[in-house]
Amino acid sequence: MSKKFFIICISIVGALAVAAAAVAAFVIIKEKHKKDEAELEHYLDSAIQ
């Protein structure tokens, strides 16, 4: 196996890992935002009554 092929494979694996981490962070942030919105809506509904 040539050194260039090894470097390309490592680069591809690294790029995939970065993409997976970005997607995971995006999903986590979106879920937290939904949870915060639901809690705020519940608080506002409770405060009105």
PDB file of N, CA and C in Angstrom:
ATOM      1  N   MET A   1       0.851  -1.168   0.000  1.00  0.00           N
ATOM      2  CA  MET A   1       0.000   0.000   0.000  1.00  0.00           C
ATOM      3  C   MET A   1       0.900   1.236   0.000  1.00  0.00           C
ATOM      4  N   SER A   2       0.633   2.134  -0.906  1.00  0.00           N
ATOM      5  CA  SER A   2       1.490   3.317  -1.002  1.00  0.00           C
ATOM      6  C   SER A   2       1.142   4.331   0.090  1.00  0.00           C
ATOM      7  N   LYS A   3       2.086   5.180   0.367  1.00  0.00           N
ATOM      8  CA  LYS A   3       1.921   6.179   1.412  1.00  0.00           C
ATOM      9  C   LYS A   3       0.826   7.186   1.035  1.00  0.00           C
ATOM     10  N   LYS A   4       0.732   7.530  -0.247  1.00  0.00           N
ATOM     11  CA  LYS A   4      -0.263   8.488  -0.712  1.00  0.00           C
ATOM     12  C   LYS A   4      -1.688   7.940  -0.507  1.00  0.00           C
ATOM     13  N   PHE A   5      -1.888   6.659  -0.811  1.00  0.00           N
ATOM     14  CA  PHE A   5      -3.196   6.034  -0.632  1.00  0.00           C
ATOM     15  C   PHE A   5      -3.595   6.029   0.844  1.00  0.00           C
ATOM     16  N   PHE A   6      -2.632   5.750   1.704  1.00  0.00           N
ATOM     17  CA  PHE A   6      -2.880   5.742   3.149  1.00  0.00           C
ATOM     18  C   PHE A   6      -3.294   7.131   3.630  1.00  0.00           C
ATOM     19  N   ILE A   7      -2.629   8.158   3.167  1.00  0.00           N
ATOM     20  CA  ILE A   7      -2.949   9.537   3.548  1.00  0.00           C
ATOM     21  C   ILE A   7      -4.346   9.910   3.068  1.00  0.00           C
ATOM     22  N   ILE A   8      -4.703   9.500   1.862  1.00  0.00           N
ATOM     23  CA  ILE A   8      -6.033   9.792   1.326  1.00  0.00           C
ATOM     24  C   ILE A   8      -7.110   9.096   2.158  1.00  0.00           C
ATOM     25  N   CYS A   9      -6.879   7.853   2.523  1.00  0.00           N
ATOM     26  CA  CYS A   9      -7.847   7.112   3.342  1.00  0.00           C
ATOM     27  C   CYS A   9      -8.037   7.768   4.707  1.00  0.00           C
ATOM     28  N   ILE A  10      -6.948   8.157   5.335  1.00  0.00           N
ATOM     29  CA  ILE A  10      -7.028   8.825   6.634  1.00  0.00           C
ATOM     30  C   ILE A  10      -7.769  10.155   6.501  1.00  0.00           C
ATOM     31  N   SER A  11      -7.530  10.877   5.417  1.00  0.00           N
ATOM     32  CA  SER A  11      -8.215  12.149   5.185  1.00  0.00           C
ATOM     33  C   SER A  11      -9.713  11.947   5.012  1.00  0.00           C
ATOM     34  N   ILE A  12     -10.104  10.926   4.290  1.00  0.00           N
ATOM     35  CA  ILE A  12     -11.526  10.640   4.084  1.00  0.00           C
ATOM     36  C   ILE A  12     -12.194  10.268   5.398  1.00  0.00           C
ATOM     37  N   VAL A  13     -11.549   9.416   6.181  1.00  0.00           N
ATOM     38  CA  VAL A  13     -12.104   9.025   7.484  1.00  0.00           C
ATOM     39  C   VAL A  13     -12.229  10.251   8.389  1.00  0.00           C
ATOM     40  N   GLY A  14     -11.242  11.104   8.381  1.00  0.00           N
ATOM     41  CA  GLY A  14     -11.294  12.326   9.191  1.00  0.00           C
ATOM     42  C   GLY A  14     -12.423  13.246   8.760  1.00  0.00           C
ATOM     43  N   ALA A  15     -12.595  13.403   7.452  1.00  0.00           N
ATOM     44  CA  ALA A  15     -13.667  14.255   6.945  1.00  0.00           C
ATOM     45  C   ALA A  15     -15.037  13.690   7.332  1.00  0.00           C
ATOM     46  N   LEU A  16     -15.195  12.379   7.259  1.00  0.00           N
ATOM     47  CA  LEU A  16     -16.458  11.763   7.659  1.00  0.00           C
ATOM     48  C   LEU A  16     -16.715  11.955   9.145  1.00  0.00           C
ATOM     49  N   ALA A  17     -15.680  11.862   9.958  1.00  0.00           N
ATOM     50  CA  ALA A  17     -15.832  12.066  11.400  1.00  0.00           C
ATOM     51  C   ALA A  17     -16.250  13.506  11.704  1.00  0.00           C
ATOM     52  N   VAL A  18     -15.665  14.451  11.009  1.00  0.00           N
ATOM     53  CA  VAL A  18     -16.029  15.861  11.203  1.00  0.00           C
ATOM     54  C   VAL A  18     -17.481  16.091  10.787  1.00  0.00           C
ATOM     55  N   ALA A  19     -17.884  15.522   9.664  1.00  0.00           N
ATOM     56  CA  ALA A  19     -19.265  15.679   9.205  1.00  0.00           C
ATOM     57  C   ALA A  19     -20.246  15.062  10.202  1.00  0.00           C
ATOM     58  N   ALA A  20     -19.924  13.890  10.726  1.00  0.00           N
ATOM     59  CA  ALA A  20     -20.799  13.234  11.703  1.00  0.00           C
ATOM     60  C   ALA A  20     -20.907  14.064  12.977  1.00  0.00           C
ATOM     61  N   ALA A  21     -19.810  14.630  13.417  1.00  0.00           N
ATOM     62  CA  ALA A  21     -19.836  15.471  14.621  1.00  0.00           C
ATOM     63  C   ALA A  21     -20.673  16.722  14.392  1.00  0.00           C
ATOM     64  N   ALA A  22     -20.577  17.315  13.215  1.00  0.00           N
ATOM     65  CA  ALA A  22     -21.363  18.506  12.901  1.00  0.00           C
ATOM     66  C   ALA A  22     -22.859  18.187  12.887  1.00  0.00           C
ATOM     67  N   VAL A  23     -23.223  17.074  12.291  1.00  0.00           N
ATOM     68  CA  VAL A  23     -24.634  16.674  12.253  1.00  0.00           C
ATOM     69  C   VAL A  23     -25.146  16.391  13.665  1.00  0.00           C
ATOM     70  N   ALA A  24     -24.356  15.706  14.467  1.00  0.00           N
ATOM     71  CA  ALA A  24     -24.761  15.406  15.840  1.00  0.00           C
ATOM     72  C   ALA A  24     -24.946  16.697  16.642  1.00  0.00           C
ATOM     73  N   ALA A  25     -24.040  17.632  16.508  1.00  0.00           N
ATOM     74  CA  ALA A  25     -24.155  18.904  17.226  1.00  0.00           C
ATOM     75  C   ALA A  25     -25.400  19.661  16.779  1.00  0.00           C
ATOM     76  N   PHE A  26     -25.682  19.662  15.488  1.00  0.00           N
ATOM     77  CA  PHE A  26     -26.864  20.341  14.961  1.00  0.00           C
ATOM     78  C   PHE A  26     -28.138  19.734  15.546  1.00  0.00           C
ATOM     79  N   VAL A  27     -28.214  18.411  15.574  1.00  0.00           N
ATOM     80  CA  VAL A  27     -29.402  17.730  16.098  1.00  0.00           C
ATOM     81  C   VAL A  27     -29.570  18.017  17.590  1.00  0.00           C
ATOM     82  N   ILE A  28     -28.485  17.975  18.332  1.00  0.00           N
ATOM     83  CA  ILE A  28     -28.554  18.243  19.778  1.00  0.00           C
ATOM     84  C   ILE A  28     -29.031  19.670  20.037  1.00  0.00           C
ATOM     85  N   ILE A  29     -28.512  20.630  19.292  1.00  0.00           N
ATOM     86  CA  ILE A  29     -28.913  22.027  19.471  1.00  0.00           C
ATOM     87  C   ILE A  29     -30.382  22.211  19.115  1.00  0.00           C
ATOM     88  N   LYS A  30     -30.832  21.585  18.041  1.00  0.00           N
ATOM     89  CA  LYS A  30     -32.240  21.696  17.642  1.00  0.00           C
ATOM     90  C   LYS A  30     -33.154  21.095  18.711  1.00  0.00           C
ATOM     91  N   GLU A  31     -32.784  19.939  19.265  1.00  0.00           N
ATOM     92  CA  GLU A  31     -33.594  19.306  20.303  1.00  0.00           C
ATOM     93  C   GLU A  31     -33.652  20.180  21.552  1.00  0.00           C
ATOM     94  N   LYS A  32     -32.537  20.775  21.926  1.00  0.00           N
ATOM     95  CA  LYS A  32     -32.516  21.654  23.100  1.00  0.00           C
ATOM     96  C   LYS A  32     -33.399  22.871  22.855  1.00  0.00           C
ATOM     97  N   HIS A  33     -33.344  23.411  21.654  1.00  0.00           N
ATOM     98  CA  HIS A  33     -34.171  24.576  21.321  1.00  0.00           C
ATOM     99  C   HIS A  33     -35.658  24.214  21.414  1.00  0.00           C
ATOM    100  N   LYS A  34     -36.030  23.039  20.907  1.00  0.00           N
ATOM    101  CA  LYS A  34     -37.427  22.594  21.001  1.00  0.00           C
ATOM    102  C   LYS A  34     -37.852  22.458  22.461  1.00  0.00           C
ATOM    103  N   LYS A  35     -36.979  21.867  23.279  1.00  0.00           N
ATOM    104  CA  LYS A  35     -37.284  21.677  24.695  1.00  0.00           C
ATOM    105  C   LYS A  35     -37.447  23.019  25.393  1.00  0.00           C
ATOM    106  N   ASP A  36     -36.551  23.960  25.112  1.00  0.00           N
ATOM    107  CA  ASP A  36     -36.641  25.286  25.720  1.00  0.00           C
ATOM    108  C   ASP A  36     -37.929  25.989  25.310  1.00  0.00           C
ATOM    109  N   GLU A  37     -38.315  25.874  24.046  1.00  0.00           N
ATOM    110  CA  GLU A  37     -39.549  26.486  23.566  1.00  0.00           C
ATOM    111  C   GLU A  37     -40.759  25.881  24.265  1.00  0.00           C
ATOM    112  N   ALA A  38     -40.769  24.566  24.436  1.00  0.00           N
ATOM    113  CA  ALA A  38     -41.885  23.894  25.099  1.00  0.00           C
ATOM    114  C   ALA A  38     -41.975  24.321  26.561  1.00  0.00           C
ATOM    115  N   GLU A  39     -40.836  24.421  27.234  1.00  0.00           N
ATOM    116  CA  GLU A  39     -40.832  24.853  28.634  1.00  0.00           C
ATOM    117  C   GLU A  39     -41.313  26.294  28.759  1.00  0.00           C
ATOM    118  N   LEU A  40     -40.893  27.159  27.840  1.00  0.00           N
ATOM    119  CA  LEU A  40     -41.322  28.555  27.867  1.00  0.00           C
ATOM    120  C   LEU A  40     -42.826  28.652  27.620  1.00  0.00           C
ATOM    121  N   GLU A  41     -43.326  27.886  26.665  1.00  0.00           N
ATOM    122  CA  GLU A  41     -44.755  27.902  26.380  1.00  0.00           C
ATOM    123  C   GLU A  41     -45.554  27.421  27.591  1.00  0.00           C
ATOM    124  N   HIS A  42     -45.085  26.366  28.241  1.00  0.00           N
ATOM    125  CA  HIS A  42     -45.753  25.859  29.438  1.00  0.00           C
ATOM    126  C   HIS A  42     -45.739  26.921  30.546  1.00  0.00           C
ATOM    127  N   TYR A  43     -44.602  27.575  30.734  1.00  0.00           N
ATOM    128  CA  TYR A  43     -44.481  28.615  31.761  1.00  0.00           C
ATOM    129  C   TYR A  43     -45.444  29.763  31.479  1.00  0.00           C
ATOM    130  N   LEU A  44     -45.507  30.195  30.212  1.00  0.00           N
ATOM    131  CA  LEU A  44     -46.389  31.295  29.874  1.00  0.00           C
ATOM    132  C   LEU A  44     -47.860  30.904  30.036  1.00  0.00           C
ATOM    133  N   ASP A  45     -48.203  29.689  29.668  1.00  0.00           N
ATOM    134  CA  ASP A  45     -49.579  29.228  29.854  1.00  0.00           C
ATOM    135  C   ASP A  45     -49.927  29.167  31.333  1.00  0.00           C
ATOM    136  N   SER A  46     -49.003  28.736  32.150  1.00  0.00           N
ATOM    137  CA  SER A  46     -49.239  28.644  33.595  1.00  0.00           C
ATOM    138  C   SER A  46     -49.344  30.036  34.222  1.00  0.00           C
ATOM    139  N   ALA A  47     -48.570  30.986  33.717  1.00  0.00           N
ATOM    140  CA  ALA A  47     -48.558  32.340  34.283  1.00  0.00           C
ATOM    141  C   ALA A  47     -49.842  33.078  33.954  1.00  0.00           C
ATOM    142  N   ILE A  48     -50.457  32.767  32.833  1.00  0.00           N
ATOM    143  CA  ILE A  48     -51.685  33.449  32.437  1.00  0.00           C
ATOM    144  C   ILE A  48     -52.846  33.061  33.341  1.00  0.00           C
ATOM    145  N   GLN A  49     -52.892  31.816  33.773  1.00  0.00           N
ATOM    146  CA  GLN A  49     -54.019  31.334  34.577  1.00  0.00           C
ATOM    147  C   GLN A  49     -53.997  31.841  35.962  1.00  0.00           C
TER     148      GLN A  49
END
